[in-house]
Protein backbone atom coordinates (compact mmCIF):
# COMPACT_ATOMS: atom_id res chain seq x y z
CA MET A 1 1.48 -4.79 -9.30
CA THR A 2 4.44 -5.43 -6.97
CA ASN A 3 6.31 -8.64 -7.78
CA SER A 4 6.73 -11.09 -4.90
CA LYS A 5 10.31 -11.93 -3.87
CA ILE A 6 11.13 -15.45 -2.74
CA LEU A 7 14.30 -16.87 -1.19
CA ILE A 8 14.86 -20.45 -2.41
CA GLU A 9 17.29 -22.84 -0.76
CA TYR A 10 18.96 -25.54 -2.83
CA TYR A 11 21.95 -27.83 -2.60
CA CYS A 12 24.99 -28.64 -4.68
CA GLN A 13 26.39 -31.79 -3.11
CA ASP A 14 26.75 -30.85 0.60
CA THR A 15 26.71 -27.07 0.13
CA LEU A 16 23.51 -25.21 0.99
CA LEU A 17 22.93 -22.32 -1.41
CA GLU A 18 20.20 -19.66 -1.50
CA GLY A 19 18.83 -17.84 -4.53
CA PHE A 20 16.58 -14.80 -4.84
CA PHE A 21 13.58 -15.39 -7.11
CA VAL A 22 11.21 -12.75 -8.46
CA PRO A 23 8.40 -14.15 -10.61
CA ALA A 24 6.79 -12.01 -13.29
CA GLU A 25 3.17 -11.66 -14.28
CA ALA A 26 2.67 -13.54 -17.59
CA PRO A 27 6.43 -14.11 -18.05
CA LYS A 28 8.03 -13.76 -21.46
CA GLY A 29 10.91 -15.93 -20.28
CA THR A 30 13.19 -16.47 -17.29
CA VAL A 31 16.59 -14.96 -16.52
CA LEU A 32 19.23 -16.52 -14.26
CA ILE A 33 21.53 -13.82 -12.81
CA ALA A 34 25.10 -14.58 -11.68
CA HIS A 35 26.72 -12.34 -9.09
CA ALA A 36 30.13 -10.66 -8.98
CA TRP A 37 32.99 -11.74 -6.72
CA GLY A 38 31.38 -10.51 -3.49
CA GLY A 39 28.44 -12.95 -3.64
CA ARG A 40 24.71 -12.50 -4.16
CA ASP A 41 24.12 -8.88 -3.24
CA ALA A 42 21.72 -5.94 -3.52
CA PHE A 43 23.00 -5.16 -7.03
CA VAL A 44 21.91 -8.47 -8.59
CA GLU A 45 18.73 -8.53 -6.50
CA ALA A 46 17.84 -5.10 -7.90
CA LYS A 47 18.49 -6.42 -11.42
CA ALA A 48 16.18 -9.36 -10.70
CA THR A 49 13.45 -7.01 -9.52
CA GLU A 50 13.86 -4.79 -12.57
CA LEU A 51 13.74 -7.73 -14.97
CA ALA A 52 10.57 -9.01 -13.29
CA SER A 53 8.99 -5.59 -13.79
CA LEU A 54 9.83 -5.94 -17.50
CA GLY A 55 8.07 -9.29 -17.76
CA TYR A 56 10.81 -11.83 -17.01
CA ASN A 57 11.01 -14.26 -14.12
CA ALA A 58 14.40 -13.57 -12.55
CA PHE A 59 16.57 -15.68 -10.22
CA ALA A 60 19.74 -14.28 -8.63
CA LEU A 61 21.76 -17.41 -7.97
CA ASP A 62 24.37 -18.14 -5.31
CA VAL A 63 27.64 -20.01 -5.83
CA TYR A 64 29.29 -19.41 -2.43
CA GLY A 65 26.75 -20.76 0.08
CA LYS A 66 23.76 -19.44 1.99
CA GLY A 67 24.66 -16.17 3.68
CA VAL A 68 28.27 -16.23 2.47
CA ARG A 69 29.35 -12.77 1.29
CA GLY A 70 32.56 -10.84 0.93
CA HIS A 71 32.80 -7.33 2.38
CA ASN A 72 36.06 -6.08 0.88
CA PRO A 73 38.36 -7.00 -2.02
CA ASP A 74 40.48 -9.38 0.08
CA GLU A 75 37.43 -11.32 1.28
CA ASN A 76 35.93 -11.33 -2.22
CA GLU A 77 39.16 -12.73 -3.67
CA LYS A 78 39.26 -15.51 -1.07
CA LEU A 79 35.71 -16.51 -1.97
CA MET A 80 36.18 -16.40 -5.73
CA GLN A 81 39.65 -17.89 -6.18
CA PRO A 82 38.85 -21.48 -5.10
CA LEU A 83 36.08 -21.63 -7.73
CA LEU A 84 38.35 -20.16 -10.40
CA GLU A 85 40.80 -22.93 -9.55
CA ASN A 86 38.08 -25.62 -9.56
CA ARG A 87 35.91 -24.83 -12.53
CA PRO A 88 34.10 -28.20 -12.53
CA LEU A 89 32.85 -27.38 -9.01
CA LEU A 90 31.78 -23.91 -10.16
CA GLN A 91 29.97 -25.42 -13.15
CA ASN A 92 28.19 -27.92 -10.89
CA ARG A 93 26.93 -25.09 -8.68
CA LEU A 94 25.71 -23.16 -11.70
CA ILE A 95 23.88 -26.20 -13.03
CA ALA A 96 22.34 -26.78 -9.59
CA ALA A 97 20.96 -23.23 -9.70
CA LEU A 98 19.62 -23.79 -13.21
CA GLU A 99 17.92 -27.05 -12.26
CA THR A 100 16.37 -25.38 -9.20
CA LEU A 101 15.05 -22.62 -11.41
CA LYS A 102 13.60 -25.09 -13.91
CA SER A 103 11.62 -26.73 -11.10
CA GLN A 104 9.67 -23.55 -10.30
CA ALA A 105 6.05 -23.69 -11.43
CA GLN A 106 6.23 -20.29 -13.14
CA VAL A 107 9.21 -21.24 -15.30
CA ASP A 108 9.20 -22.65 -18.84
CA PRO A 109 12.41 -24.74 -18.94
CA GLN A 110 12.72 -24.07 -22.67
CA LYS A 111 12.85 -20.28 -22.17
CA ILE A 112 15.74 -19.57 -19.82
CA ALA A 113 18.68 -17.23 -20.37
CA ALA A 114 21.51 -16.23 -18.03
CA ILE A 115 23.26 -12.93 -17.44
CA GLY A 116 26.21 -12.22 -15.16
CA TYR A 117 28.47 -9.46 -13.95
CA CYS A 118 32.28 -9.59 -13.57
CA PHE A 119 32.93 -13.04 -12.02
CA GLY A 120 29.28 -13.71 -12.87
CA GLY A 121 30.06 -13.04 -16.52
CA LEU A 122 32.60 -15.83 -16.39
CA CYS A 123 29.95 -17.99 -14.70
CA CYS A 124 27.54 -17.44 -17.59
CA LEU A 125 30.23 -18.21 -20.15
CA ASP A 126 31.09 -21.40 -18.25
CA LEU A 127 27.44 -22.43 -18.16
CA ALA A 128 27.33 -22.06 -21.94
CA ARG A 129 30.67 -23.86 -22.32
CA THR A 130 29.27 -26.96 -20.59
CA GLY A 131 26.84 -27.37 -23.50
CA THR A 132 23.82 -26.80 -21.26
CA GLU A 133 20.56 -26.06 -23.05
CA LEU A 134 19.86 -22.35 -22.63
CA ALA A 135 18.30 -19.75 -24.90
CA GLY A 136 21.24 -17.41 -24.39
CA VAL A 137 23.86 -16.02 -22.02
CA VAL A 138 25.12 -12.49 -21.48
CA SER A 139 28.50 -11.64 -19.93
CA LEU A 140 28.76 -8.04 -18.67
CA HIS A 141 32.37 -7.00 -17.98
CA GLY A 142 33.09 -10.68 -17.40
CA LEU A 143 36.33 -12.61 -17.12
CA PHE A 144 37.30 -14.67 -20.15
CA SER A 145 39.73 -17.37 -18.98
CA PRO A 146 38.71 -20.79 -20.38
CA PRO A 147 37.99 -23.53 -17.83
CA GLY A 148 40.07 -26.25 -19.46
CA ASN A 149 37.40 -28.95 -19.27
CA THR A 150 35.00 -27.93 -22.06
CA ASP A 151 37.10 -27.98 -25.24
CA ALA A 152 35.22 -30.97 -26.68
CA ASN A 153 31.78 -29.44 -26.15
CA THR A 154 29.40 -27.57 -28.42
CA ILE A 155 27.85 -24.35 -27.12
CA LYS A 156 24.09 -24.44 -27.63
CA ALA A 157 23.22 -21.06 -26.11
CA LYS A 158 23.51 -17.83 -28.04
CA VAL A 159 26.28 -15.72 -26.49
CA LEU A 160 26.49 -11.95 -25.98
CA VAL A 161 29.64 -10.45 -24.44
CA LEU A 162 29.49 -6.80 -23.32
CA HIS A 163 33.00 -5.62 -22.61
CA GLY A 164 35.05 -2.57 -21.67
CA TYR A 165 37.90 -2.38 -24.16
CA GLU A 166 40.27 -0.95 -21.51
CA ASP A 167 39.37 -3.60 -18.92
CA PRO A 168 42.72 -4.78 -17.49
CA LEU A 169 41.13 -8.04 -16.28
CA ALA A 170 40.08 -9.01 -19.81
CA THR A 171 42.54 -7.58 -22.32
CA PRO A 172 41.99 -7.15 -26.07
CA ASP A 173 44.17 -10.22 -26.63
CA GLN A 174 42.00 -12.25 -24.26
CA MET A 175 38.91 -10.95 -26.03
CA LEU A 176 40.21 -12.24 -29.35
CA LYS A 177 41.07 -15.60 -27.79
CA LEU A 178 37.52 -15.79 -26.43
CA ALA A 179 36.15 -15.13 -29.92
CA GLU A 180 38.34 -17.93 -31.27
CA GLU A 181 37.17 -20.28 -28.49
CA LEU A 182 33.49 -19.49 -29.04
CA THR A 183 33.92 -20.04 -32.78
CA ARG A 184 35.66 -23.37 -32.17
CA LEU A 185 32.79 -24.45 -29.89
CA GLN A 186 30.32 -23.52 -32.67
CA ALA A 187 28.58 -20.76 -30.72
CA ASP A 188 26.33 -18.07 -32.19
CA TRP A 189 28.24 -15.21 -30.56
CA GLN A 190 28.50 -11.42 -30.40
CA ILE A 191 31.09 -9.27 -28.63
CA HIS A 192 30.39 -5.57 -28.06
CA ALA A 193 33.45 -3.62 -26.87
CA TYR A 194 32.98 -0.14 -25.42
CA SER A 195 35.72 2.46 -25.82
CA ASN A 196 37.23 4.31 -22.85
CA THR A 197 35.62 1.76 -20.54
CA LEU A 198 37.16 -0.17 -17.65
CA HIS A 199 36.01 -3.15 -15.58
CA ALA A 200 32.70 -3.09 -13.63
CA PHE A 201 31.33 -0.35 -15.87
CA SER A 202 27.67 -1.14 -15.10
CA ASN A 203 27.97 -0.81 -11.32
CA PRO A 204 27.47 2.77 -10.02
CA ALA A 205 29.46 1.83 -6.90
CA ALA A 206 32.58 0.99 -8.93
CA ASN A 207 35.12 3.75 -8.28
CA ALA A 208 38.60 2.23 -8.23
CA PRO A 209 40.29 3.37 -11.45
CA GLU A 210 43.69 2.53 -9.98
CA ALA A 211 42.49 -1.11 -9.92
CA GLY A 212 40.93 -0.84 -13.37
CA ALA A 213 37.29 -0.65 -12.21
CA LEU A 214 35.08 2.39 -12.84
CA TYR A 215 31.41 3.05 -13.52
CA ASN A 216 30.66 4.38 -17.01
CA ALA A 217 27.11 5.69 -17.42
CA THR A 218 27.18 5.55 -21.22
CA ALA A 219 28.44 1.96 -21.36
CA ASP A 220 25.96 1.02 -18.63
CA LYS A 221 23.01 2.33 -20.67
CA ARG A 222 24.27 0.81 -23.91
CA SER A 223 24.94 -2.59 -22.35
CA TRP A 224 21.54 -2.75 -20.63
CA ARG A 225 19.77 -1.88 -23.88
CA ALA A 226 21.85 -4.55 -25.66
CA THR A 227 20.93 -7.06 -22.95
CA LEU A 228 17.21 -6.35 -23.25
CA ASN A 229 17.36 -6.53 -27.05
CA PHE A 230 19.15 -9.88 -26.76
CA LEU A 231 16.53 -11.26 -24.36
CA GLU A 232 13.79 -10.22 -26.77
CA GLU A 233 15.62 -12.05 -29.56
CA VAL A 234 16.29 -15.31 -27.72
CA PHE A 235 12.78 -15.52 -26.28
CA ALA A 236 11.00 -14.62 -29.52
């Protein structure tokens, strides 16, 4: 049976946002999906559709605003940077997406996890850092920089970080600092680092090795299997 696809508008303060929701038949749980720096795109919508086919409600969120997308690295950077510089605003937009998702009739609010890619990986880590009640979060080739406003919190979500060891945007030193931070915030965490792997390794369109971003089919397969195993664990 083909899963229906629904566009859902929601607000964070005065900003109109729009998510992409794909409900599953007899859902095992629900997955919030955070996009990379270009905005909610075909890549995360395809992931939502795939997850729905596997038995999970899936909601590709939006943190930039309805219809707001970047079309090249310069535009993407201009969209992302203000939220990197204002992490409380980013966190508020993530929580707005989560609350919207919880309000859907098909969703069990006690069985929600989040996954995110690149900038979206940072989004998922930030959602966990706020202390929000979630079953788990997965960061795929995410950014690790701490937000600076969550040091007193306790992370309640289980955390899985899937990481390219040669990623220049998240160095081995930053990976170790993330592990220390997650430990300090009392998280149940895992970090899987893939050898010979750069940033954006799960995206077949990534082909900019000079910028440190390159698709890696092996890491893509391993990370997706790890993600699905993690979802099975947190929704058990």
